[in-house]
């Protein structure tokens, strides 16, 4: 089961073993979990207000792979260039 799911979060809301960080990118939330046993995973969801204290379900999740940091920086650089035109 994904550590990003609402059930997993409710079972283990605060744990010292799992590092959970949320980054906002416009109307998207990227949640990154660094789990000592299962590795680093990420999940994408719509960044909308909580409903009954719950975040919306994930649209996608996966394991961090080599090269993804470079891919994210390329996207960020491209966004920087496009923002100059706004």
C-alpha atoms as a PDB file:
ATOM      1  CA  UNK A   1       0.000   0.000   0.000  1.00  0.00           C
ATOM      2  CA  UNK A   2       1.233   3.486  -0.803  1.00  0.00           C
ATOM      3  CA  UNK A   3       2.479   5.616   2.076  1.00  0.00           C
ATOM      4  CA  UNK A   4       0.765   8.529   0.313  1.00  0.00           C
ATOM      5  CA  UNK A   5      -2.778   7.221   0.761  1.00  0.00           C
ATOM      6  CA  UNK A   6      -5.211   8.806   3.203  1.00  0.00           C
ATOM      7  CA  UNK A   7      -5.442   5.502   5.082  1.00  0.00           C
ATOM      8  CA  UNK A   8      -1.662   5.300   5.490  1.00  0.00           C
ATOM      9  CA  UNK A   9      -1.487   8.903   6.654  1.00  0.00           C
ATOM     10  CA  UNK A  10      -4.266   8.335   9.191  1.00  0.00           C
ATOM     11  CA  UNK A  11      -2.552   5.195  10.504  1.00  0.00           C
ATOM     12  CA  UNK A  12       0.856   6.871  10.758  1.00  0.00           C
ATOM     13  CA  UNK A  13       0.267  10.653  10.829  1.00  0.00           C
ATOM     14  CA  UNK A  14       3.592  11.494  12.440  1.00  0.00           C
ATOM     15  CA  UNK A  15       6.402   9.010  12.473  1.00  0.00           C
ATOM     16  CA  UNK A  16      10.052   9.564  13.162  1.00  0.00           C
ATOM     17  CA  UNK A  17      11.101   7.017  10.548  1.00  0.00           C
ATOM     18  CA  UNK A  18       9.314   8.521   7.539  1.00  0.00           C
ATOM     19  CA  UNK A  19      10.093  11.991   6.237  1.00  0.00           C
ATOM     20  CA  UNK A  20       7.106  13.489   4.395  1.00  0.00           C
ATOM     21  CA  UNK A  21       7.345  16.845   2.547  1.00  0.00           C
ATOM     22  CA  UNK A  22       4.791  18.588   0.372  1.00  0.00           C
ATOM     23  CA  UNK A  23       5.728  21.041  -2.389  1.00  0.00           C
ATOM     24  CA  UNK A  24       3.221  23.168  -4.261  1.00  0.00           C
ATOM     25  CA  UNK A  25       3.538  23.798  -7.987  1.00  0.00           C
ATOM     26  CA  UNK A  26       0.638  25.984  -9.058  1.00  0.00           C
ATOM     27  CA  UNK A  27      -2.487  23.865  -8.675  1.00  0.00           C
ATOM     28  CA  UNK A  28      -0.487  20.646  -8.134  1.00  0.00           C
ATOM     29  CA  UNK A  29       0.878  19.253  -4.876  1.00  0.00           C
ATOM     30  CA  UNK A  30       3.939  17.027  -4.992  1.00  0.00           C
ATOM     31  CA  UNK A  31       4.346  14.908  -1.869  1.00  0.00           C
ATOM     32  CA  UNK A  32       7.742  13.277  -1.331  1.00  0.00           C
ATOM     33  CA  UNK A  33       8.205  10.503   1.206  1.00  0.00           C
ATOM     34  CA  UNK A  34      11.627   9.270   2.266  1.00  0.00           C
ATOM     35  CA  UNK A  35      10.999   5.865   3.848  1.00  0.00           C
ATOM     36  CA  UNK A  36      13.967   3.996   5.345  1.00  0.00           C
ATOM     37  CA  UNK A  37      12.669   0.591   4.202  1.00  0.00           C
ATOM     38  CA  UNK A  38      10.749   1.335   1.004  1.00  0.00           C
ATOM     39  CA  UNK A  39      12.888   4.106  -0.507  1.00  0.00           C
ATOM     40  CA  UNK A  40      11.859   7.516  -1.806  1.00  0.00           C
ATOM     41  CA  UNK A  41       8.447   7.874  -3.415  1.00  0.00           C
ATOM     42  CA  UNK A  42       6.459  10.807  -4.714  1.00  0.00           C
ATOM     43  CA  UNK A  43       2.806  11.457  -5.350  1.00  0.00           C
ATOM     44  CA  UNK A  44       0.954  14.083  -7.370  1.00  0.00           C
ATOM     45  CA  UNK A  45      -2.463  15.424  -6.386  1.00  0.00           C
ATOM     46  CA  UNK A  46      -4.624  18.451  -7.036  1.00  0.00           C
ATOM     47  CA  UNK A  47      -3.811  21.286  -4.629  1.00  0.00           C
ATOM     48  CA  UNK A  48      -7.329  21.991  -3.416  1.00  0.00           C
ATOM     49  CA  UNK A  49      -8.720  22.773   0.039  1.00  0.00           C
ATOM     50  CA  UNK A  50      -9.045  19.863   2.452  1.00  0.00           C
ATOM     51  CA  UNK A  51     -12.422  18.115   2.524  1.00  0.00           C
ATOM     52  CA  UNK A  52     -13.358  16.823   5.986  1.00  0.00           C
ATOM     53  CA  UNK A  53      -9.698  17.204   6.947  1.00  0.00           C
ATOM     54  CA  UNK A  54      -8.566  14.924   4.120  1.00  0.00           C
ATOM     55  CA  UNK A  55      -6.441  15.666   1.090  1.00  0.00           C
ATOM     56  CA  UNK A  56      -7.793  14.526  -2.289  1.00  0.00           C
ATOM     57  CA  UNK A  57      -6.595  11.166  -3.617  1.00  0.00           C
ATOM     58  CA  UNK A  58      -3.391  10.935  -5.614  1.00  0.00           C
ATOM     59  CA  UNK A  59      -3.486  11.300  -9.364  1.00  0.00           C
ATOM     60  CA  UNK A  60      -0.181   9.446  -9.694  1.00  0.00           C
ATOM     61  CA  UNK A  61       2.597   8.034  -7.518  1.00  0.00           C
ATOM     62  CA  UNK A  62       5.927   6.340  -8.127  1.00  0.00           C
ATOM     63  CA  UNK A  63       9.453   5.743  -6.898  1.00  0.00           C
ATOM     64  CA  UNK A  64      12.171   8.343  -7.347  1.00  0.00           C
ATOM     65  CA  UNK A  65      14.536   7.293 -10.133  1.00  0.00           C
ATOM     66  CA  UNK A  66      18.023   8.405 -11.102  1.00  0.00           C
ATOM     67  CA  UNK A  67      17.908  11.531 -13.258  1.00  0.00           C
ATOM     68  CA  UNK A  68      14.568  12.857 -12.029  1.00  0.00           C
ATOM     69  CA  UNK A  69      16.217  15.763 -10.202  1.00  0.00           C
ATOM     70  CA  UNK A  70      17.840  16.881 -13.452  1.00  0.00           C
ATOM     71  CA  UNK A  71      14.522  16.522 -15.265  1.00  0.00           C
ATOM     72  CA  UNK A  72      12.782  18.650 -12.613  1.00  0.00           C
ATOM     73  CA  UNK A  73      15.495  21.332 -12.868  1.00  0.00           C
ATOM     74  CA  UNK A  74      15.089  21.420 -16.662  1.00  0.00           C
ATOM     75  CA  UNK A  75      11.358  21.941 -16.232  1.00  0.00           C
ATOM     76  CA  UNK A  76      12.008  24.669 -13.641  1.00  0.00           C
ATOM     77  CA  UNK A  77      14.478  26.400 -15.960  1.00  0.00           C
ATOM     78  CA  UNK A  78      11.957  26.268 -18.799  1.00  0.00           C
ATOM     79  CA  UNK A  79       9.280  27.745 -16.516  1.00  0.00           C
ATOM     80  CA  UNK A  80      11.713  30.519 -15.516  1.00  0.00           C
ATOM     81  CA  UNK A  81      12.207  31.405 -19.174  1.00  0.00           C
ATOM     82  CA  UNK A  82       8.472  31.426 -19.861  1.00  0.00           C
ATOM     83  CA  UNK A  83       7.716  33.499 -16.751  1.00  0.00           C
ATOM     84  CA  UNK A  84       9.874  36.249 -18.216  1.00  0.00           C
ATOM     85  CA  UNK A  85       7.149  36.731 -20.827  1.00  0.00           C
ATOM     86  CA  UNK A  86       4.313  37.111 -18.312  1.00  0.00           C
END
